[in-house]
Amino acid sequence: MSEQSLPDGDRPENADALPEYAERVLDVTELIPPGRVMTYGDVAEYLEEGGPRQVGRVMSLYGGGVPWWRVVRADGVLLAGHELEAIDRYREEGTPLKEASRAAEGHLPRLDLKRARWDGGTSVQGHGGRAPGSSGRARGHT
């Protein structure tokens, strides 16, 4: 259903406003400390809504304005097409990596999820983050 087919009272005031779920996913992404990561499934579990595919979809459509490299695949494989930028960011932040063996295709490291995974605790008070829609962030692609 397009916005044009919505009744006048149901149209969003700001046409560039993010869907609420997307806003919540991006809020969680911004909570992940430097040097730590959450999997797509971890983010969905933290929000108690959706699943890894929904989180991945949000990140692909809107994640360019947040630290997208901190939301990762459950197997630790780097995001296809963004491996080099992600590696640079992981090294800058001190994110634990497992160096690739010489037999590994492309010789790219993987994330060391046992050491890098963040459970959403410690430095965060509650799951709320900012109120939905309060970030003022623009839409973007990773």
Protein backbone atom coordinates (compact mmCIF):
# COMPACT_ATOMS: atom_id res chain seq x y z
CA MET A 1 0.00 0.00 0.00
CA SER A 2 1.52 3.32 -0.97
CA GLU A 3 1.25 6.48 1.07
CA GLN A 4 -0.88 7.99 -1.70
CA SER A 5 -3.52 5.30 -1.18
CA LEU A 6 -3.80 6.00 2.57
CA PRO A 7 -6.65 8.11 3.91
CA ASP A 8 -5.58 11.67 4.73
CA GLY A 9 -5.60 11.04 8.49
CA ASP A 10 -3.31 7.97 8.11
CA ARG A 11 -0.53 9.60 6.10
CA PRO A 12 2.67 10.23 8.03
CA GLU A 13 3.30 13.91 8.68
CA ASN A 14 6.93 13.49 7.62
CA ALA A 15 7.17 11.44 4.42
CA ASP A 16 10.83 10.68 5.24
CA ALA A 17 9.96 9.24 8.67
CA LEU A 18 11.29 5.74 9.29
CA PRO A 19 8.95 2.89 10.15
CA GLU A 20 8.86 2.36 13.93
CA TYR A 21 10.55 -1.05 13.76
CA ALA A 22 13.36 0.34 11.62
CA GLU A 23 13.86 3.19 14.09
CA ARG A 24 14.09 0.71 16.96
CA VAL A 25 16.63 -1.47 15.10
CA LEU A 26 18.78 1.56 14.34
CA ASP A 27 18.53 2.73 17.96
CA VAL A 28 19.87 -0.62 19.16
CA THR A 29 22.66 -0.47 16.58
CA GLU A 30 23.76 2.88 17.99
CA LEU A 31 23.86 1.39 21.51
CA ILE A 32 26.42 -1.29 20.59
CA PRO A 33 29.78 -0.16 22.03
CA PRO A 34 32.83 0.22 19.77
CA GLY A 35 34.71 -3.06 19.55
CA ARG A 36 31.57 -5.14 20.15
CA VAL A 37 28.93 -6.63 17.84
CA MET A 38 25.43 -8.11 17.88
CA THR A 39 24.10 -10.57 15.33
CA TYR A 40 20.96 -9.83 13.36
CA GLY A 41 19.19 -12.38 15.55
CA ASP A 42 20.57 -10.79 18.73
CA VAL A 43 19.05 -7.44 17.75
CA ALA A 44 15.65 -9.05 17.06
CA GLU A 45 15.81 -10.91 20.38
CA TYR A 46 16.78 -7.70 22.21
CA LEU A 47 13.76 -5.93 20.70
CA GLU A 48 11.55 -8.97 21.32
CA GLU A 49 10.20 -8.49 17.81
CA GLY A 50 10.97 -9.70 14.31
CA GLY A 51 13.83 -11.98 13.38
CA PRO A 52 17.26 -11.90 11.72
CA ARG A 53 15.82 -11.37 8.24
CA GLN A 54 13.75 -8.38 9.32
CA VAL A 55 16.75 -6.81 11.05
CA GLY A 56 18.88 -7.48 7.97
CA ARG A 57 16.29 -5.82 5.76
CA VAL A 58 16.21 -2.73 7.98
CA MET A 59 20.01 -2.54 7.96
CA SER A 60 20.18 -2.88 4.17
CA LEU A 61 17.59 -0.13 3.61
CA TYR A 62 18.35 2.33 6.41
CA GLY A 63 21.62 1.34 8.11
CA GLY A 64 24.03 3.68 6.33
CA GLY A 65 23.76 6.38 9.01
CA VAL A 66 24.58 4.12 11.97
CA PRO A 67 27.55 1.86 12.82
CA TRP A 68 26.27 -0.90 10.52
CA TRP A 69 29.47 -2.95 10.89
CA ARG A 70 28.45 -3.75 14.49
CA VAL A 71 25.41 -5.80 13.36
CA VAL A 72 26.71 -9.03 11.87
CA ARG A 73 25.98 -12.51 10.62
CA ALA A 74 25.77 -15.27 13.23
CA ASP A 75 28.68 -17.13 11.61
CA GLY A 76 31.04 -14.15 11.89
CA VAL A 77 31.49 -13.83 8.12
CA LEU A 78 31.91 -10.22 7.03
CA LEU A 79 29.18 -8.45 5.07
CA ALA A 80 29.64 -9.20 1.37
CA GLY A 81 30.67 -6.15 -0.62
CA HIS A 82 31.67 -4.23 2.52
CA GLU A 83 34.43 -6.49 3.85
CA LEU A 84 37.33 -4.07 3.50
CA GLU A 85 35.52 -1.12 5.08
CA ALA A 86 34.28 -3.37 7.89
CA ILE A 87 37.77 -4.75 8.56
CA ASP A 88 39.17 -1.22 8.78
CA ARG A 89 36.47 -0.27 11.28
CA TYR A 90 36.93 -3.44 13.34
CA ARG A 91 40.67 -2.83 13.55
CA GLU A 92 40.13 0.83 14.49
CA GLU A 93 37.74 -0.19 17.29
CA GLY A 94 39.73 -3.22 18.45
CA THR A 95 36.96 -5.68 17.62
CA PRO A 96 38.23 -9.26 18.13
CA LEU A 97 38.83 -11.04 14.83
CA LYS A 98 39.87 -14.57 13.90
CA GLU A 99 42.51 -14.39 11.23
CA ALA A 100 41.73 -16.44 8.14
CA SER A 101 43.74 -19.49 7.26
CA ARG A 102 45.64 -19.42 4.00
CA ALA A 103 43.15 -21.96 2.65
CA ALA A 104 40.22 -19.62 3.31
CA GLU A 105 38.73 -18.00 0.23
CA GLY A 106 39.91 -14.40 -0.03
CA HIS A 107 41.96 -14.76 3.18
CA LEU A 108 39.49 -12.53 5.02
CA PRO A 109 39.22 -12.76 8.79
CA ARG A 110 35.97 -13.53 10.60
CA LEU A 111 34.65 -11.90 13.71
CA ASP A 112 35.49 -13.71 16.93
CA LEU A 113 31.92 -13.78 18.20
CA LYS A 114 32.82 -15.44 21.50
CA ARG A 115 34.86 -12.36 22.41
CA ALA A 116 33.13 -9.60 20.41
CA ARG A 117 29.46 -10.36 21.04
CA TRP A 118 27.56 -7.81 23.12
CA ASP A 119 24.47 -8.90 25.02
CA GLY A 120 22.90 -5.46 25.31
CA GLY A 121 23.71 -5.16 28.99
CA THR A 122 26.14 -3.27 31.21
CA SER A 123 26.28 0.25 29.83
CA VAL A 124 22.63 0.48 28.74
CA GLN A 125 19.68 1.32 30.97
CA GLY A 126 16.69 -0.63 29.72
CA HIS A 127 15.91 -1.51 26.14
CA GLY A 128 14.36 1.78 25.17
CA GLY A 129 17.25 3.88 23.95
CA ARG A 130 15.87 7.12 22.53
CA ALA A 131 12.20 7.57 21.94
CA PRO A 132 11.21 6.36 18.46
CA GLY A 133 11.53 9.06 15.86
CA SER A 134 13.82 11.24 17.98
CA SER A 135 17.10 10.59 16.19
CA GLY A 136 16.57 12.86 13.20
CA ARG A 137 18.70 10.43 11.19
CA ALA A 138 18.35 10.27 7.44
CA ARG A 139 17.65 7.15 5.47
CA GLY A 140 20.69 5.49 3.96
CA HIS A 141 22.06 2.32 2.47
CA THR A 142 25.05 0.33 3.63
